[in-house]
Amino acid sequence: LAQYDQPVISRIWSLDHPLEIRPGMVFALETQHGKKYEFGVRIEEMLIVHPDRTEIISNFPVEQITYVD
């Protein structure tokens, strides 16, 4: 078990190792935002791939995250 288990889909990895995304696959979609060496946040959503859509199955209320400027 590693920090990122296979398959990994990213700009760096996927150009050399393409992967077909198929119905039934479940993904952790991790986004990050911040200021380098100062602060940041990572938000992860769990997704299920369906033939005609994706379904978010995470329960965390992302819209309730407080923004501090």
PDB file of N, CA and C in Angstrom:
ATOM      1  N   LEU A   1       0.846  -1.168   0.000  1.00  0.00           N
ATOM      2  CA  LEU A   1       0.000   0.000   0.000  1.00  0.00           C
ATOM      3  C   LEU A   1       0.890   1.229   0.000  1.00  0.00           C
ATOM      4  N   ALA A   2       0.622   2.136  -0.906  1.00  0.00           N
ATOM      5  CA  ALA A   2       1.423   3.354  -1.034  1.00  0.00           C
ATOM      6  C   ALA A   2       0.508   4.565  -0.932  1.00  0.00           C
ATOM      7  N   GLN A   3       1.121   5.729  -0.988  1.00  0.00           N
ATOM      8  CA  GLN A   3       0.316   6.947  -0.946  1.00  0.00           C
ATOM      9  C   GLN A   3      -0.635   6.992  -2.130  1.00  0.00           C
ATOM     10  N   TYR A   4      -0.134   6.625  -3.297  1.00  0.00           N
ATOM     11  CA  TYR A   4      -0.972   6.582  -4.495  1.00  0.00           C
ATOM     12  C   TYR A   4      -0.889   5.185  -5.081  1.00  0.00           C
ATOM     13  N   ASP A   5      -1.980   4.444  -5.016  1.00  0.00           N
ATOM     14  CA  ASP A   5      -2.017   3.096  -5.570  1.00  0.00           C
ATOM     15  C   ASP A   5      -2.397   3.154  -7.041  1.00  0.00           C
ATOM     16  N   GLN A   6      -1.952   2.163  -7.796  1.00  0.00           N
ATOM     17  CA  GLN A   6      -2.279   2.075  -9.214  1.00  0.00           C
ATOM     18  C   GLN A   6      -3.759   1.749  -9.391  1.00  0.00           C
ATOM     19  N   PRO A   7      -4.402   2.198 -10.391  1.00  0.00           N
ATOM     20  CA  PRO A   7      -3.855   3.053 -11.437  1.00  0.00           C
ATOM     21  C   PRO A   7      -3.828   4.520 -10.999  1.00  0.00           C
ATOM     22  N   VAL A   8      -2.859   5.243 -11.515  1.00  0.00           N
ATOM     23  CA  VAL A   8      -2.745   6.678 -11.275  1.00  0.00           C
ATOM     24  C   VAL A   8      -3.024   7.383 -12.592  1.00  0.00           C
ATOM     25  N   ILE A   9      -3.874   8.390 -12.561  1.00  0.00           N
ATOM     26  CA  ILE A   9      -4.160   9.173 -13.758  1.00  0.00           C
ATOM     27  C   ILE A   9      -3.726  10.600 -13.466  1.00  0.00           C
ATOM     28  N   SER A  10      -2.737  11.055 -14.210  1.00  0.00           N
ATOM     29  CA  SER A  10      -2.236  12.424 -14.039  1.00  0.00           C
ATOM     30  C   SER A  10      -1.569  12.861 -15.330  1.00  0.00           C
ATOM     31  N   ARG A  11      -1.321  14.152 -15.447  1.00  0.00           N
ATOM     32  CA  ARG A  11      -0.643  14.653 -16.650  1.00  0.00           C
ATOM     33  C   ARG A  11       0.728  14.015 -16.822  1.00  0.00           C
ATOM     34  N   ILE A  12       1.460  13.879 -15.739  1.00  0.00           N
ATOM     35  CA  ILE A  12       2.828  13.360 -15.815  1.00  0.00           C
ATOM     36  C   ILE A  12       2.834  11.884 -16.205  1.00  0.00           C
ATOM     37  N   TRP A  13       2.001  11.075 -15.596  1.00  0.00           N
ATOM     38  CA  TRP A  13       2.017   9.623 -15.766  1.00  0.00           C
ATOM     39  C   TRP A  13       1.231   9.153 -16.992  1.00  0.00           C
ATOM     40  N   SER A  14       0.071   9.730 -17.225  1.00  0.00           N
ATOM     41  CA  SER A  14      -0.879   9.183 -18.197  1.00  0.00           C
ATOM     42  C   SER A  14      -0.481   9.357 -19.655  1.00  0.00           C
ATOM     43  N   LEU A  15       0.343  10.335 -19.971  1.00  0.00           N
ATOM     44  CA  LEU A  15       0.773  10.488 -21.361  1.00  0.00           C
ATOM     45  C   LEU A  15       1.588   9.284 -21.818  1.00  0.00           C
ATOM     46  N   ASP A  16       2.400   8.737 -20.925  1.00  0.00           N
ATOM     47  CA  ASP A  16       3.204   7.557 -21.255  1.00  0.00           C
ATOM     48  C   ASP A  16       2.490   6.247 -20.944  1.00  0.00           C
ATOM     49  N   HIS A  17       1.518   6.290 -20.060  1.00  0.00           N
ATOM     50  CA  HIS A  17       0.812   5.083 -19.621  1.00  0.00           C
ATOM     51  C   HIS A  17      -0.697   5.336 -19.634  1.00  0.00           C
ATOM     52  N   PRO A  18      -1.301   5.458 -20.823  1.00  0.00           N
ATOM     53  CA  PRO A  18      -2.739   5.772 -20.888  1.00  0.00           C
ATOM     54  C   PRO A  18      -3.595   4.649 -20.292  1.00  0.00           C
ATOM     55  N   LEU A  19      -4.727   5.029 -19.755  1.00  0.00           N
ATOM     56  CA  LEU A  19      -5.644   4.083 -19.128  1.00  0.00           C
ATOM     57  C   LEU A  19      -7.060   4.389 -19.589  1.00  0.00           C
ATOM     58  N   GLU A  20      -7.775   3.365 -20.014  1.00  0.00           N
ATOM     59  CA  GLU A  20      -9.172   3.542 -20.398  1.00  0.00           C
ATOM     60  C   GLU A  20     -10.029   3.648 -19.139  1.00  0.00           C
ATOM     61  N   ILE A  21     -10.844   4.681 -19.073  1.00  0.00           N
ATOM     62  CA  ILE A  21     -11.767   4.849 -17.954  1.00  0.00           C
ATOM     63  C   ILE A  21     -13.071   4.158 -18.326  1.00  0.00           C
ATOM     64  N   ARG A  22     -13.470   3.166 -17.499  1.00  0.00           N
ATOM     65  CA  ARG A  22     -14.631   2.338 -17.816  1.00  0.00           C
ATOM     66  C   ARG A  22     -15.697   2.438 -16.727  1.00  0.00           C
ATOM     67  N   PRO A  23     -16.945   2.177 -17.098  1.00  0.00           N
ATOM     68  CA  PRO A  23     -18.020   2.142 -16.099  1.00  0.00           C
ATOM     69  C   PRO A  23     -17.689   1.151 -14.983  1.00  0.00           C
ATOM     70  N   GLY A  24     -18.028   1.529 -13.763  1.00  0.00           N
ATOM     71  CA  GLY A  24     -17.768   0.687 -12.604  1.00  0.00           C
ATOM     72  C   GLY A  24     -16.498   1.059 -11.859  1.00  0.00           C
ATOM     73  N   MET A  25     -15.624   1.830 -12.502  1.00  0.00           N
ATOM     74  CA  MET A  25     -14.401   2.256 -11.825  1.00  0.00           C
ATOM     75  C   MET A  25     -14.742   3.302 -10.764  1.00  0.00           C
ATOM     76  N   VAL A  26     -13.978   3.280  -9.686  1.00  0.00           N
ATOM     77  CA  VAL A  26     -14.135   4.254  -8.609  1.00  0.00           C
ATOM     78  C   VAL A  26     -12.819   5.004  -8.476  1.00  0.00           C
ATOM     79  N   PHE A  27     -12.906   6.320  -8.374  1.00  0.00           N
ATOM     80  CA  PHE A  27     -11.715   7.166  -8.311  1.00  0.00           C
ATOM     81  C   PHE A  27     -11.749   8.081  -7.105  1.00  0.00           C
ATOM     82  N   ALA A  28     -10.575   8.405  -6.618  1.00  0.00           N
ATOM     83  CA  ALA A  28     -10.402   9.506  -5.675  1.00  0.00           C
ATOM     84  C   ALA A  28      -9.831  10.652  -6.496  1.00  0.00           C
ATOM     85  N   LEU A  29     -10.601  11.697  -6.649  1.00  0.00           N
ATOM     86  CA  LEU A  29     -10.177  12.871  -7.405  1.00  0.00           C
ATOM     87  C   LEU A  29      -9.658  13.893  -6.407  1.00  0.00           C
ATOM     88  N   GLU A  30      -8.351  14.141  -6.458  1.00  0.00           N
ATOM     89  CA  GLU A  30      -7.724  15.039  -5.490  1.00  0.00           C
ATOM     90  C   GLU A  30      -7.330  16.342  -6.168  1.00  0.00           C
ATOM     91  N   THR A  31      -7.874  17.432  -5.684  1.00  0.00           N
ATOM     92  CA  THR A  31      -7.507  18.753  -6.182  1.00  0.00           C
ATOM     93  C   THR A  31      -6.771  19.488  -5.072  1.00  0.00           C
ATOM     94  N   GLN A  32      -5.918  20.400  -5.464  1.00  0.00           N
ATOM     95  CA  GLN A  32      -5.183  21.167  -4.465  1.00  0.00           C
ATOM     96  C   GLN A  32      -5.038  22.613  -4.909  1.00  0.00           C
ATOM     97  N   HIS A  33      -4.973  23.478  -3.928  1.00  0.00           N
ATOM     98  CA  HIS A  33      -4.830  24.903  -4.205  1.00  0.00           C
ATOM     99  C   HIS A  33      -4.077  25.530  -3.042  1.00  0.00           C
ATOM    100  N   GLY A  34      -3.269  26.510  -3.337  1.00  0.00           N
ATOM    101  CA  GLY A  34      -2.559  27.199  -2.271  1.00  0.00           C
ATOM    102  C   GLY A  34      -1.464  28.089  -2.817  1.00  0.00           C
ATOM    103  N   LYS A  35      -0.660  28.598  -1.916  1.00  0.00           N
ATOM    104  CA  LYS A  35       0.480  29.434  -2.267  1.00  0.00           C
ATOM    105  C   LYS A  35       1.734  28.674  -1.865  1.00  0.00           C
ATOM    106  N   LYS A  36       2.610  28.431  -2.821  1.00  0.00           N
ATOM    107  CA  LYS A  36       3.784  27.592  -2.610  1.00  0.00           C
ATOM    108  C   LYS A  36       4.587  28.032  -1.387  1.00  0.00           C
ATOM    109  N   TYR A  37       4.898  27.067  -0.535  1.00  0.00           N
ATOM    110  CA  TYR A  37       5.678  27.233   0.696  1.00  0.00           C
ATOM    111  C   TYR A  37       4.977  28.071   1.764  1.00  0.00           C
ATOM    112  N   GLU A  38       3.694  28.390   1.581  1.00  0.00           N
ATOM    113  CA  GLU A  38       2.998  29.182   2.590  1.00  0.00           C
ATOM    114  C   GLU A  38       1.761  28.467   3.129  1.00  0.00           C
ATOM    115  N   PHE A  39       0.843  28.082   2.263  1.00  0.00           N
ATOM    116  CA  PHE A  39      -0.369  27.425   2.727  1.00  0.00           C
ATOM    117  C   PHE A  39      -0.984  26.662   1.566  1.00  0.00           C
ATOM    118  N   GLY A  40      -1.902  25.797   1.888  1.00  0.00           N
ATOM    119  CA  GLY A  40      -2.592  25.060   0.838  1.00  0.00           C
ATOM    120  C   GLY A  40      -3.679  24.178   1.413  1.00  0.00           C
ATOM    121  N   VAL A  41      -4.479  23.675   0.509  1.00  0.00           N
ATOM    122  CA  VAL A  41      -5.555  22.776   0.897  1.00  0.00           C
ATOM    123  C   VAL A  41      -5.718  21.731  -0.203  1.00  0.00           C
ATOM    124  N   ARG A  42      -6.045  20.531   0.194  1.00  0.00           N
ATOM    125  CA  ARG A  42      -6.362  19.460  -0.756  1.00  0.00           C
ATOM    126  C   ARG A  42      -7.773  18.980  -0.443  1.00  0.00           C
ATOM    127  N   ILE A  43      -8.554  18.881  -1.483  1.00  0.00           N
ATOM    128  CA  ILE A  43      -9.920  18.390  -1.331  1.00  0.00           C
ATOM    129  C   ILE A  43     -10.058  17.145  -2.193  1.00  0.00           C
ATOM    130  N   GLU A  44     -10.544  16.081  -1.602  1.00  0.00           N
ATOM    131  CA  GLU A  44     -10.672  14.816  -2.325  1.00  0.00           C
ATOM    132  C   GLU A  44     -12.140  14.433  -2.441  1.00  0.00           C
ATOM    133  N   GLU A  45     -12.531  14.070  -3.645  1.00  0.00           N
ATOM    134  CA  GLU A  45     -13.885  13.583  -3.910  1.00  0.00           C
ATOM    135  C   GLU A  45     -13.784  12.143  -4.398  1.00  0.00           C
ATOM    136  N   MET A  46     -14.705  11.299  -3.969  1.00  0.00           N
ATOM    137  CA  MET A  46     -14.790   9.931  -4.466  1.00  0.00           C
ATOM    138  C   MET A  46     -15.847   9.892  -5.556  1.00  0.00           C
ATOM    139  N   LEU A  47     -15.500   9.283  -6.695  1.00  0.00           N
ATOM    140  CA  LEU A  47     -16.388   9.241  -7.855  1.00  0.00           C
ATOM    141  C   LEU A  47     -16.581   7.813  -8.327  1.00  0.00           C
ATOM    142  N   ILE A  48     -17.781   7.502  -8.795  1.00  0.00           N
ATOM    143  CA  ILE A  48     -18.058   6.243  -9.487  1.00  0.00           C
ATOM    144  C   ILE A  48     -18.345   6.598 -10.941  1.00  0.00           C
ATOM    145  N   VAL A  49     -17.752   5.853 -11.859  1.00  0.00           N
ATOM    146  CA  VAL A  49     -17.984   6.069 -13.287  1.00  0.00           C
ATOM    147  C   VAL A  49     -19.155   5.201 -13.727  1.00  0.00           C
ATOM    148  N   HIS A  50     -20.157   5.827 -14.318  1.00  0.00           N
ATOM    149  CA  HIS A  50     -21.310   5.140 -14.900  1.00  0.00           C
ATOM    150  C   HIS A  50     -21.222   5.274 -16.422  1.00  0.00           C
ATOM    151  N   PRO A  51     -21.975   4.494 -17.176  1.00  0.00           N
ATOM    152  CA  PRO A  51     -21.895   4.583 -18.645  1.00  0.00           C
ATOM    153  C   PRO A  51     -22.183   5.980 -19.194  1.00  0.00           C
ATOM    154  N   ASP A  52     -23.048   6.741 -18.522  1.00  0.00           N
ATOM    155  CA  ASP A  52     -23.459   8.042 -19.061  1.00  0.00           C
ATOM    156  C   ASP A  52     -23.154   9.228 -18.149  1.00  0.00           C
ATOM    157  N   ARG A  53     -22.480   8.983 -17.019  1.00  0.00           N
ATOM    158  CA  ARG A  53     -22.228  10.073 -16.073  1.00  0.00           C
ATOM    159  C   ARG A  53     -21.233   9.620 -15.010  1.00  0.00           C
ATOM    160  N   THR A  54     -20.835  10.553 -14.166  1.00  0.00           N
ATOM    161  CA  THR A  54     -20.084  10.207 -12.962  1.00  0.00           C
ATOM    162  C   THR A  54     -20.936  10.573 -11.755  1.00  0.00           C
ATOM    163  N   GLU A  55     -20.732   9.850 -10.678  1.00  0.00           N
ATOM    164  CA  GLU A  55     -21.497  10.079  -9.451  1.00  0.00           C
ATOM    165  C   GLU A  55     -20.526  10.381  -8.313  1.00  0.00           C
ATOM    166  N   ILE A  56     -20.712  11.506  -7.647  1.00  0.00           N
ATOM    167  CA  ILE A  56     -19.890  11.844  -6.486  1.00  0.00           C
ATOM    168  C   ILE A  56     -20.476  11.126  -5.278  1.00  0.00           C
ATOM    169  N   ILE A  57     -19.659  10.333  -4.600  1.00  0.00           N
ATOM    170  CA  ILE A  57     -20.144   9.575  -3.447  1.00  0.00           C
ATOM    171  C   ILE A  57     -19.547  10.072  -2.131  1.00  0.00           C
ATOM    172  N   SER A  58     -18.740  11.129  -2.180  1.00  0.00           N
ATOM    173  CA  SER A  58     -18.192  11.711  -0.954  1.00  0.00           C
ATOM    174  C   SER A  58     -19.314  12.327  -0.134  1.00  0.00           C
ATOM    175  N   ASN A  59     -19.133  12.346   1.165  1.00  0.00           N
ATOM    176  CA  ASN A  59     -20.138  12.919   2.054  1.00  0.00           C
ATOM    177  C   ASN A  59     -19.730  14.264   2.640  1.00  0.00           C
ATOM    178  N   PHE A  60     -18.499  14.693   2.398  1.00  0.00           N
ATOM    179  CA  PHE A  60     -18.029  15.947   2.984  1.00  0.00           C
ATOM    180  C   PHE A  60     -18.687  17.131   2.289  1.00  0.00           C
ATOM    181  N   PRO A  61     -19.270  18.062   3.025  1.00  0.00           N
ATOM    182  CA  PRO A  61     -19.954  19.216   2.422  1.00  0.00           C
ATOM    183  C   PRO A  61     -18.964  20.286   1.941  1.00  0.00           C
ATOM    184  N   VAL A  62     -18.403  20.092   0.772  1.00  0.00           N
ATOM    185  CA  VAL A  62     -17.377  20.985   0.235  1.00  0.00           C
ATOM    186  C   VAL A  62     -17.862  22.425   0.173  1.00  0.00           C
ATOM    187  N   GLU A  63     -19.125  22.632  -0.122  1.00  0.00           N
ATOM    188  CA  GLU A  63     -19.648  23.999  -0.233  1.00  0.00           C
ATOM    189  C   GLU A  63     -19.611  24.740   1.101  1.00  0.00           C
ATOM    190  N   GLN A  64     -19.361  24.036   2.205  1.00  0.00           N
ATOM    191  CA  GLN A  64     -19.311  24.675   3.516  1.00  0.00           C
ATOM    192  C   GLN A  64     -17.893  25.026   3.956  1.00  0.00           C
ATOM    193  N   ILE A  65     -16.907  24.819   3.091  1.00  0.00           N
ATOM    194  CA  ILE A  65     -15.530  25.157   3.444  1.00  0.00           C
ATOM    195  C   ILE A  65     -15.405  26.671   3.570  1.00  0.00           C
ATOM    196  N   THR A  66     -14.820  27.112   4.657  1.00  0.00           N
ATOM    197  CA  THR A  66     -14.632  28.539   4.898  1.00  0.00           C
ATOM    198  C   THR A  66     -13.408  29.035   4.147  1.00  0.00           C
ATOM    199  N   TYR A  67     -13.564  30.143   3.462  1.00  0.00           N
ATOM    200  CA  TYR A  67     -12.467  30.754   2.712  1.00  0.00           C
ATOM    201  C   TYR A  67     -11.889  31.894   3.537  1.00  0.00           C
ATOM    202  N   VAL A  68     -10.583  31.884   3.729  1.00  0.00           N
ATOM    203  CA  VAL A  68      -9.903  32.948   4.457  1.00  0.00           C
ATOM    204  C   VAL A  68      -8.929  33.608   3.510  1.00  0.00           C
ATOM    205  N   ASP A  69      -9.064  34.919   3.337  1.00  0.00           N
ATOM    206  CA  ASP A  69      -8.196  35.655   2.413  1.00  0.00           C
ATOM    207  C   ASP A  69      -7.039  36.286   3.155  1.00  0.00           C
TER     208      ASP A  69
END
